[in-house]
Amino acid sequence: MKKLLSVDPARIGRPPGQASPDAVPQEFCDGTPGPLRHALEQLLGPERVLHRLVDLVRYASDASPYRLIPHVVVVPHNEDEVAKILRFCGETGWHATFRAAGTSLNGQAQSDGILIDVRKYFSGIKDIGDGGVTLKAGTGTILFHANAHLTPYYRKLGPDPASSAACTLAGVVANNSGGMRCTVFQNAYSTVNALTFVLASGTKIDTSDKDAERDFQTSEPALAEGLIALRKEILADEKLVERIRHKYSIRNTHGDRLDAFLDGKTPLEIFRRLLVGSEGTLGFISDVTFNTIEVPAVTSVAWIAVPSINDAISLVPDLVAIGAGAVELMIAPALRAAGEAFHGTPEYWKTLDLQAAALLVEVGASDDESLTEKQARIMHLTDRVTLLGDLILTSHAEAIELAWQVREGLLGLIGKHRPLGSLLITEDVCFPPRLLASAARDLQDLLQKHGYFISRIRHATRSSRCALRNSRPEANATTRFPFARSKAESEFRTLASSSTT
């Protein structure tokens, strides 16, 4: 006998009236389509397949402003099950996307096909080399946790994205992550020295194995031959070689790493490098070994607030020469908002002129004496500009933590203050250091011209910029990513292209 007032979800249905623009399509109301669900359950087991409507909606969103509803979510427990899923896709025509933490801002961990959750069962530290010089871990390991294991050795991983407390090594490698303190020589491409991967064919290779090169060429002869042929073609074109080297001398995460064909000499050496930054398009990476970097014994930070972007940029080359590990440039609108949101920030931030800018500078050293000497040089350097607030170089842990909380929290803060009905979009662009000031002005003028509110976070020491802008979705957009496309889009890309060639 049915209980009185028992729940009957089938009676909920859709509310009357026109469906909202982001409503779940009718085909998903009962979850994953039956044939796909049953095929995957037979392949992997029912416990590996998430098929309910609530599962599909839960995985449809990540940290980006986009949404794609997967047909099904699968949770493999090992490489063999990943290989089964990839073979299934090859045989049936379904496409698959890997999902770990989902912290990327650009939607690459979403799928309208088969979404493969690889976070839970591919995590954990596997080995730490003598003195912490290397670390091997499953790619589902959170970056912050990996660094916690390296703390006793005074070492860490090179990549340090702002999402390090949540992102996994899978995303760090798949996106070739850098970060606020990370140079191009410390990013994932430069610090990964081995990994285990699974190809769509089912081939599994651990590149640290002594027979890995032979196994790769035996299992994938056409791929191996094709990689060597491409390398020969590239090396035969001196202008192309020069252009590739130039493109990767600054931060460049667009497309596959063509410099892999210059840095690797054998098929496996090339392919291992191509996997970094490939966003899961070339294969699945189950574990990774990093070369770690040394952490300074003592550190201090300072905010250098000046009247203009030009004043701030003029200090960057000398700050780098002094040994600053990080120099982050932020403009006044962002700092004014941060001054209201973060307790303990300088009071003068709230009243900064809108043309003002500030540098967050971090400098480290092996001992107190060396750090004091660097601090003195920074104090002397700032004598040539007008400071809008007291210059305080502090080594207090709380102050350092607050400084980076401000930096890491700006994205959410800017999103919070976006106009109603708009979306926050990020654009990463690299400029040579000599063009940073003019590029910043041009970009600000461009976005103001087209009605965008902009804030900027800039890795000034790395010749890199991250522009944050609010965009209003088109009312009747039917594209996969329904965002307003305006003339500003093409002008922005023209500006970036002309400045980086």
Protein backbone atom coordinates (compact mmCIF):
# COMPACT_ATOMS: atom_id res chain seq x y z
CA MET A 1 0.00 0.00 0.00
CA LYS A 2 1.34 3.41 -0.98
CA LYS A 3 2.05 5.76 1.90
CA LEU A 4 -0.14 8.82 2.31
CA LEU A 5 1.58 11.96 0.90
CA SER A 6 4.46 9.92 -0.52
CA VAL A 7 6.69 11.65 -3.09
CA ASP A 8 5.78 11.26 -6.75
CA PRO A 9 8.34 13.21 -8.86
CA ALA A 10 6.44 12.36 -12.03
CA ARG A 11 3.71 14.79 -10.97
CA ILE A 12 6.06 17.76 -10.89
CA GLY A 13 6.36 18.13 -14.66
CA ARG A 14 7.11 21.45 -16.36
CA PRO A 15 5.46 24.64 -15.08
CA PRO A 16 2.91 26.23 -17.43
CA GLY A 17 4.08 28.79 -19.97
CA GLN A 18 7.01 29.02 -22.34
CA ALA A 19 10.15 27.07 -21.40
CA SER A 20 13.10 29.12 -20.17
CA PRO A 21 15.98 29.56 -22.64
CA ASP A 22 18.21 27.33 -20.51
CA ALA A 23 15.63 24.63 -19.84
CA VAL A 24 16.83 21.03 -20.05
CA PRO A 25 15.74 19.56 -23.39
CA GLN A 26 12.77 17.21 -23.23
CA GLU A 27 14.93 14.28 -24.40
CA PHE A 28 16.84 14.35 -21.07
CA CYS A 29 13.85 14.47 -18.74
CA ASP A 30 14.19 10.74 -18.08
CA GLY A 31 17.98 10.95 -17.92
CA THR A 32 20.36 9.21 -20.31
CA PRO A 33 18.68 7.65 -23.37
CA GLY A 34 18.05 3.96 -22.67
CA PRO A 35 20.21 2.35 -25.39
CA LEU A 36 23.30 4.40 -24.47
CA ARG A 37 22.82 3.80 -20.76
CA HIS A 38 22.40 0.04 -21.12
CA ALA A 39 25.38 -0.29 -23.48
CA LEU A 40 27.70 1.49 -21.03
CA GLU A 41 26.33 -0.38 -18.02
CA GLN A 42 27.02 -3.63 -19.79
CA LEU A 43 30.53 -2.43 -20.67
CA LEU A 44 31.53 -0.99 -17.28
CA GLY A 45 28.93 -2.03 -14.73
CA PRO A 46 25.89 -0.01 -13.48
CA GLU A 47 27.84 1.63 -10.65
CA ARG A 48 30.15 3.35 -13.15
CA VAL A 49 27.35 5.05 -15.12
CA LEU A 50 25.61 8.23 -13.88
CA HIS A 51 22.43 8.52 -15.90
CA ARG A 52 19.80 10.38 -13.84
CA LEU A 53 18.61 13.80 -14.93
CA VAL A 54 20.11 15.31 -11.76
CA ASP A 55 23.50 13.81 -12.71
CA LEU A 56 23.41 15.28 -16.20
CA VAL A 57 22.43 18.73 -14.94
CA ARG A 58 25.08 18.61 -12.19
CA TYR A 59 27.84 17.94 -14.71
CA ALA A 60 26.50 20.39 -17.32
CA SER A 61 28.24 23.35 -15.67
CA ASP A 62 31.75 24.06 -14.48
CA ALA A 63 33.66 27.20 -13.50
CA SER A 64 33.12 28.70 -16.96
CA PRO A 65 30.01 30.66 -18.02
CA TYR A 66 29.07 27.91 -20.49
CA ARG A 67 26.75 24.94 -20.14
CA LEU A 68 26.57 21.71 -22.12
CA ILE A 69 24.36 18.85 -21.01
CA PRO A 70 26.11 15.49 -21.39
CA HIS A 71 24.16 12.48 -22.57
CA VAL A 72 25.80 10.42 -19.85
CA VAL A 73 28.55 10.62 -17.23
CA VAL A 74 30.86 7.67 -16.65
CA VAL A 75 33.28 7.21 -13.73
CA PRO A 76 36.09 4.78 -14.65
CA HIS A 77 38.26 3.37 -11.87
CA ASN A 78 41.41 2.56 -13.88
CA GLU A 79 43.16 2.92 -17.24
CA ASP A 80 41.62 -0.27 -18.62
CA GLU A 81 38.13 1.11 -18.14
CA VAL A 82 39.15 4.38 -19.81
CA ALA A 83 40.43 2.34 -22.76
CA LYS A 84 37.09 0.50 -22.95
CA ILE A 85 35.20 3.81 -23.07
CA LEU A 86 37.44 5.22 -25.79
CA ARG A 87 37.09 2.07 -27.89
CA PHE A 88 33.32 2.25 -27.39
CA CYS A 89 33.34 5.81 -28.72
CA GLY A 90 35.40 4.76 -31.73
CA GLU A 91 32.99 1.96 -32.55
CA THR A 92 29.74 3.88 -31.99
CA GLY A 93 30.62 7.44 -33.04
CA TRP A 94 30.05 9.02 -29.63
CA HIS A 95 32.54 11.68 -28.62
CA ALA A 96 34.02 11.89 -25.12
CA THR A 97 35.42 14.61 -22.90
CA PHE A 98 37.50 14.18 -19.74
CA ARG A 99 36.45 16.02 -16.59
CA ALA A 100 38.50 16.42 -13.43
CA ALA A 101 37.94 19.44 -11.15
CA GLY A 102 36.19 21.54 -13.80
CA THR A 103 37.89 24.75 -12.62
CA SER A 104 38.79 26.04 -16.08
CA LEU A 105 37.11 29.29 -17.12
CA ASN A 106 36.80 28.31 -20.78
CA GLY A 107 34.48 25.30 -20.81
CA GLN A 108 36.87 22.61 -22.04
CA ALA A 109 35.68 20.16 -19.34
CA GLN A 110 32.14 20.06 -20.75
CA SER A 111 30.53 17.72 -23.26
CA ASP A 112 27.22 17.10 -24.99
CA GLY A 113 28.30 13.50 -25.53
CA ILE A 114 29.99 11.20 -23.00
CA LEU A 115 31.60 12.98 -20.05
CA ILE A 116 34.32 10.95 -18.30
CA ASP A 117 34.89 11.92 -14.65
CA VAL A 118 38.51 11.07 -13.87
CA ARG A 119 39.03 12.88 -10.59
CA LYS A 120 38.10 10.49 -7.80
CA TYR A 121 39.82 7.27 -8.81
CA PHE A 122 43.02 8.72 -10.29
CA SER A 123 44.27 10.71 -7.30
CA GLY A 124 47.04 10.21 -4.79
CA ILE A 125 50.79 10.71 -4.42
CA LYS A 126 52.75 7.78 -5.87
CA ASP A 127 56.36 8.79 -5.30
CA ILE A 128 58.52 11.70 -4.14
CA GLY A 129 62.12 11.68 -5.30
CA ASP A 130 65.11 12.21 -3.01
CA GLY A 131 64.98 15.70 -1.53
CA GLY A 132 61.61 16.31 -3.19
CA VAL A 133 63.20 17.06 -6.57
CA THR A 134 60.48 15.05 -8.35
CA LEU A 135 56.88 14.17 -7.56
CA LYS A 136 54.75 11.47 -9.20
CA ALA A 137 51.01 11.53 -8.63
CA GLY A 138 47.71 10.52 -10.14
CA THR A 139 46.25 13.26 -12.28
CA GLY A 140 43.14 13.50 -10.10
CA THR A 141 45.31 14.86 -7.28
CA ILE A 142 44.54 18.44 -6.24
CA LEU A 143 47.49 20.74 -6.91
CA PHE A 144 47.41 22.19 -3.40
CA HIS A 145 47.61 18.70 -1.90
CA ALA A 146 50.61 17.84 -4.09
CA ASN A 147 52.40 20.97 -2.91
CA ALA A 148 51.56 20.14 0.71
CA HIS A 149 53.53 16.91 0.33
CA LEU A 150 56.49 18.92 -0.96
CA THR A 151 56.44 21.50 1.83
CA PRO A 152 58.89 19.60 4.11
CA TYR A 153 61.42 19.71 1.28
CA TYR A 154 60.98 23.48 0.67
CA ARG A 155 59.91 22.70 -2.89
CA LYS A 156 56.72 22.94 -4.94
CA LEU A 157 55.36 22.36 -8.43
CA GLY A 158 56.09 25.11 -10.96
CA PRO A 159 52.51 25.81 -12.14
CA ASP A 160 50.52 27.91 -9.66
CA PRO A 161 47.14 28.91 -11.12
CA ALA A 162 44.79 30.89 -8.90
CA SER A 163 42.58 27.80 -8.61
CA SER A 164 45.36 25.69 -7.03
CA ALA A 165 43.21 24.88 -3.99
CA ALA A 166 40.69 23.09 -6.23
CA CYS A 167 42.24 22.28 -9.61
CA THR A 168 43.80 18.89 -10.28
CA LEU A 169 47.03 17.86 -11.94
CA ALA A 170 44.92 16.60 -14.85
CA GLY A 171 43.90 20.15 -15.70
CA VAL A 172 47.35 21.53 -14.95
CA VAL A 173 48.88 19.23 -17.56
CA ALA A 174 45.99 19.27 -20.05
CA ASN A 175 45.97 23.09 -20.12
CA ASN A 176 49.73 23.60 -19.72
CA SER A 177 49.05 25.71 -16.66
CA GLY A 178 51.30 28.55 -15.59
CA GLY A 179 50.22 30.96 -12.92
CA MET A 180 51.04 34.10 -11.01
CA ARG A 181 54.61 33.23 -10.02
CA CYS A 182 55.29 30.81 -12.86
CA THR A 183 57.75 31.60 -15.64
CA VAL A 184 57.61 29.89 -19.03
CA PHE A 185 60.44 27.67 -17.78
CA GLN A 186 58.35 26.51 -14.83
CA ASN A 187 55.03 25.75 -16.55
CA ALA A 188 53.69 22.23 -17.04
CA TYR A 189 55.36 21.79 -20.44
CA SER A 190 58.78 22.61 -19.02
CA THR A 191 58.49 20.65 -15.75
CA VAL A 192 56.69 17.42 -16.69
CA ASN A 193 59.35 14.74 -17.22
CA ALA A 194 57.21 11.60 -17.48
CA LEU A 195 53.58 10.50 -17.67
CA THR A 196 51.36 7.50 -18.28
CA PHE A 197 48.82 7.87 -21.07
CA VAL A 198 46.06 5.88 -22.76
CA LEU A 199 45.23 6.39 -26.44
CA ALA A 200 41.89 5.96 -28.18
CA SER A 201 43.19 2.69 -29.57
CA GLY A 202 43.65 1.35 -26.05
CA THR A 203 47.43 1.62 -26.11
CA LYS A 204 48.85 2.37 -22.66
CA ILE A 205 52.39 3.76 -22.26
CA ASP A 206 54.38 4.81 -19.20
CA THR A 207 57.05 7.08 -20.66
CA SER A 208 59.38 6.44 -17.71
CA ASP A 209 59.59 2.73 -18.58
CA LYS A 210 62.91 1.73 -20.16
CA ASP A 211 61.11 0.03 -23.07
CA ALA A 212 58.52 2.78 -23.55
CA GLU A 213 59.97 4.08 -26.83
CA ARG A 214 60.02 0.61 -28.37
CA ASP A 215 56.52 -0.21 -27.11
CA PHE A 216 55.13 3.05 -28.48
CA GLN A 217 56.58 2.54 -31.94
CA THR A 218 55.46 -1.11 -32.00
CA SER A 219 51.90 -0.36 -30.83
CA GLU A 220 51.41 2.82 -32.87
CA PRO A 221 53.68 2.59 -35.94
CA ALA A 222 51.69 4.98 -38.12
CA LEU A 223 51.55 7.61 -35.37
CA ALA A 224 55.28 7.27 -34.68
CA GLU A 225 56.18 7.58 -38.36
CA GLY A 226 53.89 10.54 -38.80
CA LEU A 227 55.45 12.42 -35.87
CA ILE A 228 58.95 11.99 -37.29
CA ALA A 229 57.77 13.06 -40.75
CA LEU A 230 56.26 16.24 -39.29
CA ARG A 231 59.47 16.95 -37.37
CA LYS A 232 61.55 16.68 -40.54
CA GLU A 233 59.14 18.97 -42.39
CA ILE A 234 59.32 21.61 -39.67
CA LEU A 235 63.11 21.46 -39.31
CA ALA A 236 63.48 21.95 -43.07
CA ASP A 237 61.82 25.37 -42.82
CA GLU A 238 64.16 27.74 -40.95
CA LYS A 239 61.63 30.58 -40.86
CA LEU A 240 59.00 28.30 -39.37
CA VAL A 241 61.46 27.07 -36.73
CA GLU A 242 62.29 30.66 -35.82
CA ARG A 243 58.62 31.59 -35.61
CA ILE A 244 57.80 28.61 -33.40
CA ARG A 245 60.65 29.43 -31.03
CA HIS A 246 59.50 33.04 -30.85
CA LYS A 247 55.87 32.08 -30.20
CA TYR A 248 56.82 29.91 -27.25
CA SER A 249 59.34 32.32 -25.77
CA ILE A 250 56.30 34.02 -24.23
CA ARG A 251 53.20 32.43 -22.76
CA ASN A 252 51.35 30.64 -25.52
CA THR A 253 48.66 28.08 -24.75
CA HIS A 254 46.83 28.23 -28.09
CA GLY A 255 46.64 24.89 -29.87
CA ASP A 256 49.09 22.01 -29.64
CA ARG A 257 52.72 22.68 -28.69
CA LEU A 258 54.50 22.85 -32.02
CA ASP A 259 57.81 23.28 -30.23
CA ALA A 260 57.44 19.65 -29.17
CA PHE A 261 58.74 18.81 -32.64
CA LEU A 262 61.85 20.86 -31.90
CA ASP A 263 62.42 19.73 -28.31
CA GLY A 264 61.74 16.01 -28.85
CA LYS A 265 63.91 13.88 -31.11
CA THR A 266 62.08 10.53 -31.00
CA PRO A 267 58.39 9.75 -31.58
CA LEU A 268 57.67 9.24 -27.88
CA GLU A 269 59.67 12.31 -26.82
CA ILE A 270 57.61 14.38 -29.23
CA PHE A 271 54.27 12.86 -28.29
CA ARG A 272 54.86 13.18 -24.54
CA ARG A 273 55.35 16.91 -25.02
CA LEU A 274 52.35 17.21 -27.35
CA LEU A 275 50.10 15.72 -24.66
CA VAL A 276 50.84 18.69 -22.38
CA GLY A 277 48.34 21.39 -23.27
CA SER A 278 46.33 19.14 -25.59
CA GLU A 279 43.18 19.42 -23.41
CA GLY A 280 42.50 15.69 -23.62
CA THR A 281 42.27 15.60 -27.41
CA LEU A 282 45.24 13.26 -27.91
CA GLY A 283 44.74 10.81 -25.06
CA PHE A 284 44.09 10.33 -21.37
CA ILE A 285 46.86 10.99 -18.85
CA SER A 286 46.50 8.85 -15.72
CA ASP A 287 49.61 9.89 -13.79
CA VAL A 288 52.38 12.43 -14.15
CA THR A 289 55.88 13.05 -12.82
CA PHE A 290 57.01 16.64 -12.31
CA ASN A 291 60.41 18.15 -11.73
CA THR A 292 59.80 20.42 -8.73
CA ILE A 293 61.21 23.88 -8.05
CA GLU A 294 62.77 25.36 -4.93
CA VAL A 295 60.73 27.56 -2.60
CA PRO A 296 62.57 30.63 -1.20
CA ALA A 297 63.36 30.33 2.50
CA VAL A 298 62.10 33.88 3.18
CA THR A 299 59.62 36.00 1.25
CA SER A 300 58.08 39.45 1.33
CA VAL A 301 55.38 41.26 -0.63
CA ALA A 302 54.49 44.87 -1.31
CA TRP A 303 51.83 46.89 -3.11
CA ILE A 304 53.30 49.67 -5.26
CA ALA A 305 50.49 52.08 -6.17
CA VAL A 306 51.28 54.73 -8.81
CA PRO A 307 49.31 57.34 -10.80
CA SER A 308 49.24 55.47 -14.13
CA ILE A 309 49.80 52.21 -15.96
CA ASN A 310 52.87 53.73 -17.62
CA ASP A 311 54.42 54.44 -14.22
CA ALA A 312 53.78 50.87 -13.13
CA ILE A 313 55.13 49.28 -16.31
CA SER A 314 58.29 51.37 -16.14
CA LEU A 315 59.24 49.59 -12.90
CA VAL A 316 58.74 46.03 -14.13
CA PRO A 317 62.07 45.35 -15.93
CA ASP A 318 64.10 46.53 -12.94
CA LEU A 319 61.92 44.62 -10.49
CA VAL A 320 62.56 41.47 -12.49
CA ALA A 321 66.29 42.24 -12.55
CA ILE A 322 66.27 42.59 -8.75
CA GLY A 323 64.78 39.10 -8.54
CA ALA A 324 61.05 39.59 -8.02
CA GLY A 325 59.37 36.22 -8.25
CA ALA A 326 56.03 37.76 -9.19
CA VAL A 327 54.85 41.14 -10.40
CA GLU A 328 51.08 41.43 -10.89
CA LEU A 329 49.60 44.63 -12.30
CA MET A 330 46.06 45.71 -11.44
CA ILE A 331 44.18 48.85 -12.34
CA ALA A 332 42.26 51.14 -10.01
CA PRO A 333 38.67 49.90 -10.59
CA ALA A 334 39.66 46.41 -9.45
CA LEU A 335 41.56 47.73 -6.45
CA ARG A 336 38.72 50.00 -5.40
CA ALA A 337 36.36 47.03 -5.44
CA ALA A 338 38.90 44.93 -3.52
CA GLY A 339 39.27 47.69 -0.95
CA GLU A 340 35.57 47.42 -0.17
CA ALA A 341 35.49 43.63 -0.18
CA PHE A 342 38.67 42.60 1.66
CA HIS A 343 39.21 43.58 5.29
CA GLY A 344 42.77 44.70 5.99
CA THR A 345 43.57 46.15 2.56
CA PRO A 346 44.98 49.71 2.40
CA GLU A 347 42.34 52.36 3.04
CA TYR A 348 43.52 54.54 0.14
CA TRP A 349 42.47 51.87 -2.37
CA LYS A 350 38.85 52.95 -1.95
CA THR A 351 39.56 56.42 -3.34
CA LEU A 352 42.15 55.70 -6.04
CA ASP A 353 41.89 57.74 -9.21
CA LEU A 354 40.53 55.59 -12.01
CA GLN A 355 43.72 56.06 -14.04
CA ALA A 356 45.90 54.70 -11.24
CA ALA A 357 47.46 51.26 -11.14
CA ALA A 358 49.32 49.10 -8.66
CA LEU A 359 51.89 46.32 -8.72
CA LEU A 360 51.76 43.38 -6.36
CA VAL A 361 55.41 42.42 -5.97
CA GLU A 362 56.73 39.29 -4.30
CA VAL A 363 60.43 38.79 -3.71
CA GLY A 364 62.16 35.83 -2.09
CA ALA A 365 65.67 34.90 -0.99
CA SER A 366 67.64 32.13 0.67
CA ASP A 367 68.24 34.11 3.90
CA ASP A 368 67.18 37.27 5.72
CA GLU A 369 70.28 39.23 4.74
CA SER A 370 69.74 38.63 1.02
CA LEU A 371 66.07 39.51 1.34
CA THR A 372 66.86 42.77 3.15
CA GLU A 373 69.26 43.72 0.35
CA LYS A 374 66.57 43.11 -2.30
CA GLN A 375 64.03 45.10 -0.32
CA ALA A 376 66.42 48.06 -0.14
CA ARG A 377 66.90 47.96 -3.91
CA ILE A 378 63.14 47.98 -4.45
CA MET A 379 62.74 50.96 -2.11
CA HIS A 380 65.43 52.82 -4.03
CA LEU A 381 63.85 51.90 -7.38
CA THR A 382 60.50 53.44 -6.43
CA ASP A 383 62.13 56.82 -5.74
CA ARG A 384 61.72 57.63 -9.42
CA VAL A 385 57.89 57.41 -9.35
CA THR A 386 55.16 59.07 -7.30
CA LEU A 387 53.76 56.64 -4.77
CA LEU A 388 50.08 56.90 -3.88
CA GLY A 389 50.50 55.06 -0.61
CA ASP A 390 53.19 53.95 1.80
CA LEU A 391 55.50 51.31 0.41
CA ILE A 392 55.63 48.50 2.95
CA LEU A 393 57.60 45.34 2.22
CA THR A 394 56.26 42.81 4.68
CA SER A 395 57.22 39.24 5.47
CA HIS A 396 54.30 38.58 7.82
CA ALA A 397 52.53 35.40 6.73
CA GLU A 398 49.08 36.96 7.24
CA ALA A 399 49.91 39.95 5.03
CA ILE A 400 51.34 37.73 2.29
CA GLU A 401 48.27 35.52 2.41
CA LEU A 402 45.95 38.56 2.22
CA ALA A 403 47.82 39.96 -0.79
CA TRP A 404 47.36 36.76 -2.75
CA GLN A 405 43.79 36.35 -1.57
CA VAL A 406 43.08 39.73 -3.15
CA ARG A 407 44.76 38.69 -6.36
CA GLU A 408 43.06 35.30 -6.51
CA GLY A 409 39.69 36.72 -5.48
CA LEU A 410 39.45 39.41 -8.13
CA LEU A 411 37.77 37.15 -10.66
CA GLY A 412 34.88 36.39 -8.33
CA LEU A 413 34.74 39.98 -7.17
CA ILE A 414 34.51 41.32 -10.72
CA GLY A 415 31.88 38.70 -11.52
CA LYS A 416 29.88 39.81 -8.51
CA HIS A 417 29.84 43.42 -9.72
CA ARG A 418 28.94 42.63 -13.33
CA PRO A 419 25.77 44.27 -14.70
CA LEU A 420 22.60 42.22 -14.31
CA GLY A 421 22.12 39.88 -17.25
CA SER A 422 25.75 39.94 -18.35
CA LEU A 423 28.41 37.25 -18.23
CA LEU A 424 32.06 37.39 -17.25
CA ILE A 425 34.45 36.30 -20.00
CA THR A 426 38.23 36.01 -19.80
CA GLU A 427 40.72 36.58 -22.58
CA ASP A 428 44.39 35.67 -22.24
CA VAL A 429 46.81 37.57 -24.46
CA CYS A 430 50.60 37.79 -24.51
CA PHE A 431 52.55 40.90 -25.42
CA PRO A 432 56.29 41.55 -25.52
CA PRO A 433 57.27 43.55 -22.39
CA ARG A 434 58.08 46.68 -24.41
CA LEU A 435 54.45 46.79 -25.64
CA LEU A 436 52.66 46.17 -22.35
CA ALA A 437 51.79 49.79 -21.52
CA SER A 438 50.55 50.71 -25.00
CA ALA A 439 48.67 47.40 -25.30
CA ALA A 440 46.94 48.02 -21.97
CA ARG A 441 45.83 51.48 -23.07
CA ASP A 442 44.66 50.27 -26.49
CA LEU A 443 42.73 47.40 -25.00
CA GLN A 444 41.07 49.59 -22.39
CA ASP A 445 40.04 52.12 -25.06
CA LEU A 446 38.77 49.34 -27.31
CA LEU A 447 36.53 47.75 -24.70
CA GLN A 448 35.24 51.08 -23.42
CA LYS A 449 34.41 52.00 -27.02
CA HIS A 450 32.18 48.94 -27.29
CA GLY A 451 30.57 49.31 -23.88
CA TYR A 452 32.40 46.65 -21.88
CA PHE A 453 33.36 47.03 -18.25
CA ILE A 454 36.92 45.80 -17.92
CA SER A 455 39.31 44.94 -15.18
CA ARG A 456 42.75 43.51 -15.75
CA ILE A 457 45.04 41.13 -14.01
CA ARG A 458 48.44 41.08 -15.59
CA HIS A 459 51.41 38.79 -15.06
CA ALA A 460 53.72 41.68 -15.81
CA THR A 461 56.94 39.71 -15.38
CA ARG A 462 55.72 37.12 -17.87
CA SER A 463 54.64 39.45 -20.68
CA SER A 464 51.14 38.13 -20.22
CA ARG A 465 47.73 39.68 -19.71
CA CYS A 466 44.38 38.39 -18.61
CA ALA A 467 41.50 40.67 -19.57
CA LEU A 468 38.22 40.23 -17.74
CA ARG A 469 35.16 41.66 -19.43
CA ASN A 470 31.42 41.47 -19.02
CA SER A 471 29.40 40.43 -22.04
CA ARG A 472 25.62 40.37 -22.37
CA PRO A 473 24.12 37.25 -24.01
CA GLU A 474 22.03 37.76 -27.11
CA ALA A 475 18.37 37.35 -26.35
CA ASN A 476 17.69 34.81 -29.12
CA ALA A 477 21.10 33.19 -29.38
CA THR A 478 21.03 29.64 -30.73
CA THR A 479 24.75 28.98 -30.95
CA ARG A 480 26.51 26.39 -28.81
CA PHE A 481 28.02 29.14 -26.66
CA PRO A 482 25.36 31.87 -26.76
CA PHE A 483 27.34 35.04 -26.12
CA ALA A 484 27.17 38.41 -27.76
CA ARG A 485 29.61 38.63 -30.67
CA SER A 486 30.44 42.17 -31.62
CA LYS A 487 32.95 44.11 -33.63
CA ALA A 488 34.99 44.34 -30.42
CA GLU A 489 35.68 40.61 -30.69
CA SER A 490 37.46 40.86 -34.04
CA GLU A 491 39.24 44.09 -33.11
CA PHE A 492 40.47 42.49 -29.89
CA ARG A 493 41.91 39.52 -31.76
CA THR A 494 43.49 41.81 -34.35
CA LEU A 495 45.19 43.77 -31.54
CA ALA A 496 46.49 40.57 -29.94
CA SER A 497 47.68 39.09 -33.23
CA SER A 498 49.55 42.19 -34.36
CA SER A 499 51.29 42.49 -31.00
CA THR A 500 52.57 38.92 -30.76
CA THR A 501 53.80 38.13 -34.24
